[in-house]
Amino acid sequence: MTTAASSMLTETQLDAALKALASAQRREILRILTASAEMPGKTCCAQDETCACTLAERLGLAASTISHHTSILRDAGLITSRKDGTWVYYTVRADVLSAVAEAVQLL
């Protein structure tokens, strides 16, 4: 990895991101989070955020399953989370996702 974007990732971080991306459900969570900025009329959270309840509803998964998958994505650095009361809001780290994509292209 020699370019600026991919050099921000260590081999360990890249490995964690690729393992996190190995799950179809986690990839779908990333798709939903990426598209969240384009969702008109959102009232539950900031424009670039998605509430855990929205993820559970869209994916048809239990809250505990969403929590498990988002924890793996967060630990891999692909998303961030913000807790407000009982609600958790997630945001995709587009910079990290781009760095992972660039690193994969360089393989």
N, C-alpha and C. Protein backbone atom coordinates (compact mmCIF):
# COMPACT_ATOMS: atom_id res chain seq x y z
N MET A 1 0.85 -1.18 0.00
CA MET A 1 0.00 0.00 0.00
C MET A 1 0.89 1.23 0.00
N THR A 2 0.86 1.97 -1.10
CA THR A 2 1.79 3.08 -1.19
C THR A 2 1.11 4.43 -1.37
N THR A 3 -0.15 4.51 -1.68
CA THR A 3 -0.78 5.81 -1.88
C THR A 3 -1.22 6.40 -0.55
N ALA A 4 -1.58 7.68 -0.57
CA ALA A 4 -1.94 8.39 0.67
C ALA A 4 -3.13 7.76 1.37
N ALA A 5 -4.18 7.45 0.62
CA ALA A 5 -5.39 6.89 1.25
C ALA A 5 -5.12 5.50 1.82
N SER A 6 -4.47 4.66 1.05
CA SER A 6 -4.24 3.31 1.55
C SER A 6 -3.16 3.26 2.63
N SER A 7 -2.27 4.25 2.66
CA SER A 7 -1.23 4.24 3.68
C SER A 7 -1.78 4.59 5.05
N MET A 8 -3.02 5.07 5.11
CA MET A 8 -3.61 5.36 6.41
C MET A 8 -4.02 4.08 7.13
N LEU A 9 -4.02 2.96 6.43
CA LEU A 9 -4.39 1.67 7.01
C LEU A 9 -3.16 0.82 7.27
N THR A 10 -3.11 0.25 8.45
CA THR A 10 -2.07 -0.75 8.72
C THR A 10 -2.56 -2.08 8.16
N GLU A 11 -1.68 -3.03 8.07
CA GLU A 11 -2.08 -4.36 7.61
C GLU A 11 -3.14 -4.96 8.55
N THR A 12 -3.00 -4.72 9.84
CA THR A 12 -3.96 -5.23 10.82
C THR A 12 -5.33 -4.59 10.60
N GLN A 13 -5.35 -3.27 10.34
CA GLN A 13 -6.62 -2.59 10.09
C GLN A 13 -7.26 -3.09 8.79
N LEU A 14 -6.45 -3.30 7.77
CA LEU A 14 -6.98 -3.82 6.52
C LEU A 14 -7.54 -5.22 6.72
N ASP A 15 -6.84 -6.07 7.45
CA ASP A 15 -7.33 -7.42 7.74
C ASP A 15 -8.67 -7.37 8.47
N ALA A 16 -8.79 -6.50 9.48
CA ALA A 16 -10.04 -6.37 10.24
C ALA A 16 -11.17 -5.89 9.34
N ALA A 17 -10.88 -4.94 8.47
CA ALA A 17 -11.91 -4.43 7.57
C ALA A 17 -12.37 -5.51 6.59
N LEU A 18 -11.42 -6.26 6.04
CA LEU A 18 -11.79 -7.31 5.09
C LEU A 18 -12.59 -8.41 5.76
N LYS A 19 -12.24 -8.75 7.00
CA LYS A 19 -13.02 -9.75 7.74
C LYS A 19 -14.42 -9.23 8.00
N ALA A 20 -14.54 -7.95 8.35
CA ALA A 20 -15.86 -7.36 8.59
C ALA A 20 -16.70 -7.36 7.31
N LEU A 21 -16.06 -7.14 6.18
CA LEU A 21 -16.77 -7.10 4.90
C LEU A 21 -17.11 -8.49 4.36
N ALA A 22 -16.66 -9.53 5.03
CA ALA A 22 -16.93 -10.90 4.58
C ALA A 22 -18.38 -11.31 4.81
N SER A 23 -19.13 -10.53 5.57
CA SER A 23 -20.52 -10.86 5.88
C SER A 23 -21.47 -10.04 4.98
N ALA A 24 -22.40 -10.73 4.34
CA ALA A 24 -23.39 -10.05 3.49
C ALA A 24 -24.24 -9.07 4.30
N GLN A 25 -24.57 -9.44 5.52
CA GLN A 25 -25.38 -8.54 6.35
C GLN A 25 -24.62 -7.28 6.71
N ARG A 26 -23.34 -7.39 6.99
CA ARG A 26 -22.55 -6.20 7.30
C ARG A 26 -22.36 -5.32 6.06
N ARG A 27 -22.19 -5.95 4.89
CA ARG A 27 -22.11 -5.16 3.67
C ARG A 27 -23.42 -4.42 3.42
N GLU A 28 -24.54 -5.05 3.72
CA GLU A 28 -25.83 -4.38 3.55
C GLU A 28 -25.98 -3.22 4.54
N ILE A 29 -25.50 -3.39 5.75
CA ILE A 29 -25.52 -2.29 6.72
C ILE A 29 -24.73 -1.11 6.17
N LEU A 30 -23.57 -1.38 5.59
CA LEU A 30 -22.77 -0.30 5.00
C LEU A 30 -23.51 0.37 3.85
N ARG A 31 -24.20 -0.41 3.03
CA ARG A 31 -24.98 0.17 1.93
C ARG A 31 -26.06 1.11 2.47
N ILE A 32 -26.74 0.67 3.50
CA ILE A 32 -27.80 1.49 4.10
C ILE A 32 -27.21 2.76 4.68
N LEU A 33 -26.11 2.64 5.40
CA LEU A 33 -25.48 3.82 5.99
C LEU A 33 -24.98 4.78 4.92
N THR A 34 -24.43 4.26 3.85
CA THR A 34 -23.94 5.10 2.76
C THR A 34 -25.09 5.85 2.09
N ALA A 35 -26.22 5.19 1.96
CA ALA A 35 -27.38 5.81 1.32
C ALA A 35 -28.17 6.72 2.25
N SER A 36 -27.84 6.74 3.54
CA SER A 36 -28.64 7.49 4.51
C SER A 36 -28.65 8.98 4.23
N ALA A 37 -27.59 9.51 3.65
CA ALA A 37 -27.55 10.94 3.34
C ALA A 37 -28.57 11.31 2.27
N GLU A 38 -28.99 10.32 1.49
CA GLU A 38 -29.92 10.58 0.40
C GLU A 38 -31.38 10.35 0.79
N MET A 39 -31.63 10.01 2.06
CA MET A 39 -32.99 9.73 2.50
C MET A 39 -33.69 11.04 2.86
N PRO A 40 -34.65 11.49 2.04
CA PRO A 40 -35.33 12.75 2.32
C PRO A 40 -36.29 12.62 3.51
N GLY A 41 -36.41 13.69 4.24
CA GLY A 41 -37.41 13.75 5.31
C GLY A 41 -37.07 12.98 6.56
N LYS A 42 -35.80 12.63 6.75
CA LYS A 42 -35.43 11.92 7.98
C LYS A 42 -35.63 12.86 9.17
N THR A 43 -36.24 12.34 10.22
CA THR A 43 -36.45 13.15 11.41
C THR A 43 -35.82 12.54 12.66
N CYS A 44 -35.38 11.31 12.57
CA CYS A 44 -34.88 10.63 13.77
C CYS A 44 -33.44 10.96 14.10
N CYS A 45 -32.69 11.44 13.13
CA CYS A 45 -31.26 11.61 13.37
C CYS A 45 -30.68 12.58 12.34
N ALA A 46 -29.38 12.85 12.47
CA ALA A 46 -28.70 13.75 11.54
C ALA A 46 -28.70 13.16 10.13
N GLN A 47 -28.46 14.01 9.16
CA GLN A 47 -28.54 13.61 7.75
C GLN A 47 -27.63 12.44 7.40
N ASP A 48 -26.43 12.37 7.99
CA ASP A 48 -25.49 11.31 7.64
C ASP A 48 -25.56 10.12 8.58
N GLU A 49 -26.54 10.10 9.48
CA GLU A 49 -26.67 9.02 10.46
C GLU A 49 -27.87 8.13 10.15
N THR A 50 -27.80 6.93 10.70
CA THR A 50 -28.93 6.00 10.63
C THR A 50 -29.09 5.37 12.00
N CYS A 51 -30.31 5.33 12.46
CA CYS A 51 -30.63 4.77 13.77
C CYS A 51 -30.59 3.24 13.70
N ALA A 52 -30.19 2.62 14.79
CA ALA A 52 -30.15 1.15 14.85
C ALA A 52 -31.53 0.56 14.56
N CYS A 53 -32.59 1.25 14.99
CA CYS A 53 -33.93 0.72 14.75
C CYS A 53 -34.25 0.68 13.25
N THR A 54 -33.73 1.65 12.50
CA THR A 54 -33.92 1.65 11.05
C THR A 54 -33.19 0.47 10.41
N LEU A 55 -31.98 0.20 10.89
CA LEU A 55 -31.23 -0.95 10.37
C LEU A 55 -31.99 -2.25 10.64
N ALA A 56 -32.50 -2.39 11.87
CA ALA A 56 -33.23 -3.61 12.24
C ALA A 56 -34.47 -3.77 11.37
N GLU A 57 -35.17 -2.68 11.14
CA GLU A 57 -36.39 -2.73 10.32
C GLU A 57 -36.08 -3.07 8.87
N ARG A 58 -35.08 -2.41 8.30
CA ARG A 58 -34.74 -2.63 6.88
C ARG A 58 -34.18 -4.02 6.63
N LEU A 59 -33.43 -4.56 7.60
CA LEU A 59 -32.81 -5.86 7.42
C LEU A 59 -33.63 -7.01 7.98
N GLY A 60 -34.64 -6.71 8.77
CA GLY A 60 -35.46 -7.75 9.37
C GLY A 60 -34.70 -8.58 10.40
N LEU A 61 -33.78 -7.92 11.11
CA LEU A 61 -32.96 -8.60 12.09
C LEU A 61 -33.27 -8.09 13.49
N ALA A 62 -32.99 -8.92 14.48
CA ALA A 62 -33.19 -8.53 15.88
C ALA A 62 -32.17 -7.46 16.26
N ALA A 63 -32.53 -6.65 17.24
CA ALA A 63 -31.63 -5.59 17.70
C ALA A 63 -30.28 -6.15 18.16
N SER A 64 -30.30 -7.32 18.78
CA SER A 64 -29.04 -7.92 19.23
C SER A 64 -28.14 -8.30 18.05
N THR A 65 -28.74 -8.74 16.97
CA THR A 65 -27.97 -9.09 15.77
C THR A 65 -27.39 -7.84 15.13
N ILE A 66 -28.18 -6.78 15.07
CA ILE A 66 -27.68 -5.51 14.54
C ILE A 66 -26.51 -5.03 15.39
N SER A 67 -26.66 -5.12 16.70
CA SER A 67 -25.61 -4.70 17.62
C SER A 67 -24.32 -5.49 17.39
N HIS A 68 -24.45 -6.79 17.18
CA HIS A 68 -23.29 -7.65 16.92
C HIS A 68 -22.57 -7.20 15.65
N HIS A 69 -23.33 -7.04 14.57
CA HIS A 69 -22.72 -6.68 13.29
C HIS A 69 -22.12 -5.28 13.31
N THR A 70 -22.82 -4.33 13.92
CA THR A 70 -22.29 -2.97 13.96
C THR A 70 -21.06 -2.89 14.87
N SER A 71 -21.00 -3.72 15.87
CA SER A 71 -19.81 -3.77 16.73
C SER A 71 -18.59 -4.20 15.93
N ILE A 72 -18.75 -5.19 15.09
CA ILE A 72 -17.64 -5.67 14.25
C ILE A 72 -17.23 -4.58 13.26
N LEU A 73 -18.21 -3.91 12.65
CA LEU A 73 -17.91 -2.83 11.71
C LEU A 73 -17.23 -1.66 12.41
N ARG A 74 -17.67 -1.35 13.62
CA ARG A 74 -17.07 -0.26 14.39
C ARG A 74 -15.63 -0.63 14.80
N ASP A 75 -15.43 -1.85 15.28
CA ASP A 75 -14.09 -2.29 15.67
C ASP A 75 -13.12 -2.28 14.49
N ALA A 76 -13.65 -2.50 13.29
CA ALA A 76 -12.83 -2.48 12.08
C ALA A 76 -12.59 -1.05 11.59
N GLY A 77 -13.24 -0.07 12.22
CA GLY A 77 -13.06 1.32 11.84
C GLY A 77 -13.90 1.76 10.66
N LEU A 78 -14.84 0.92 10.22
CA LEU A 78 -15.65 1.24 9.05
C LEU A 78 -16.84 2.15 9.36
N ILE A 79 -17.28 2.17 10.62
CA ILE A 79 -18.38 3.03 11.02
C ILE A 79 -18.07 3.65 12.38
N THR A 80 -18.81 4.69 12.70
CA THR A 80 -18.77 5.28 14.04
C THR A 80 -20.18 5.21 14.60
N SER A 81 -20.29 5.34 15.91
CA SER A 81 -21.61 5.32 16.53
C SER A 81 -21.70 6.44 17.56
N ARG A 82 -22.94 6.86 17.78
CA ARG A 82 -23.23 7.89 18.77
C ARG A 82 -24.47 7.46 19.52
N LYS A 83 -24.38 7.43 20.84
CA LYS A 83 -25.52 7.02 21.66
C LYS A 83 -26.21 8.27 22.19
N ASP A 84 -27.53 8.28 22.08
CA ASP A 84 -28.35 9.38 22.58
C ASP A 84 -29.51 8.77 23.33
N GLY A 85 -29.40 8.72 24.64
CA GLY A 85 -30.42 8.04 25.44
C GLY A 85 -30.37 6.55 25.18
N THR A 86 -31.49 5.99 24.75
CA THR A 86 -31.52 4.55 24.45
C THR A 86 -31.24 4.26 22.99
N TRP A 87 -31.10 5.29 22.17
CA TRP A 87 -30.90 5.11 20.73
C TRP A 87 -29.44 5.18 20.37
N VAL A 88 -29.06 4.40 19.37
CA VAL A 88 -27.69 4.43 18.84
C VAL A 88 -27.78 4.81 17.36
N TYR A 89 -26.96 5.76 16.96
CA TYR A 89 -26.93 6.25 15.59
C TYR A 89 -25.58 5.94 14.97
N TYR A 90 -25.60 5.45 13.73
CA TYR A 90 -24.37 5.02 13.07
C TYR A 90 -24.09 5.87 11.85
N THR A 91 -22.80 6.05 11.58
CA THR A 91 -22.34 6.79 10.41
C THR A 91 -21.20 6.00 9.77
N VAL A 92 -21.22 5.92 8.45
CA VAL A 92 -20.15 5.21 7.74
C VAL A 92 -18.91 6.10 7.68
N ARG A 93 -17.74 5.49 7.81
CA ARG A 93 -16.47 6.21 7.65
C ARG A 93 -16.06 6.06 6.19
N ALA A 94 -16.51 6.98 5.36
CA ALA A 94 -16.26 6.91 3.93
C ALA A 94 -14.77 6.93 3.61
N ASP A 95 -13.99 7.66 4.42
CA ASP A 95 -12.55 7.72 4.18
C ASP A 95 -11.89 6.36 4.37
N VAL A 96 -12.30 5.65 5.40
CA VAL A 96 -11.73 4.32 5.65
C VAL A 96 -12.21 3.33 4.59
N LEU A 97 -13.49 3.40 4.25
CA LEU A 97 -14.04 2.51 3.23
C LEU A 97 -13.32 2.72 1.89
N SER A 98 -13.04 3.97 1.56
CA SER A 98 -12.30 4.27 0.32
C SER A 98 -10.88 3.74 0.39
N ALA A 99 -10.24 3.87 1.55
CA ALA A 99 -8.87 3.36 1.71
C ALA A 99 -8.84 1.85 1.57
N VAL A 100 -9.85 1.16 2.10
CA VAL A 100 -9.93 -0.30 1.96
C VAL A 100 -10.10 -0.67 0.49
N ALA A 101 -11.00 0.02 -0.20
CA ALA A 101 -11.23 -0.26 -1.62
C ALA A 101 -9.95 -0.03 -2.43
N GLU A 102 -9.24 1.02 -2.12
CA GLU A 102 -7.99 1.31 -2.83
C GLU A 102 -6.94 0.24 -2.53
N ALA A 103 -6.86 -0.18 -1.28
CA ALA A 103 -5.89 -1.23 -0.92
C ALA A 103 -6.20 -2.54 -1.64
N VAL A 104 -7.47 -2.86 -1.78
CA VAL A 104 -7.85 -4.08 -2.50
C VAL A 104 -7.48 -3.97 -3.98
N GLN A 105 -7.64 -2.80 -4.56
CA GLN A 105 -7.26 -2.62 -5.96
C GLN A 105 -5.76 -2.80 -6.18
N LEU A 106 -4.99 -2.54 -5.15
CA LEU A 106 -3.53 -2.64 -5.27
C LEU A 106 -3.02 -4.06 -5.06
N LEU A 107 -3.91 -4.98 -4.71
CA LEU A 107 -3.47 -6.37 -4.48
C LEU A 107 -3.00 -7.02 -5.76
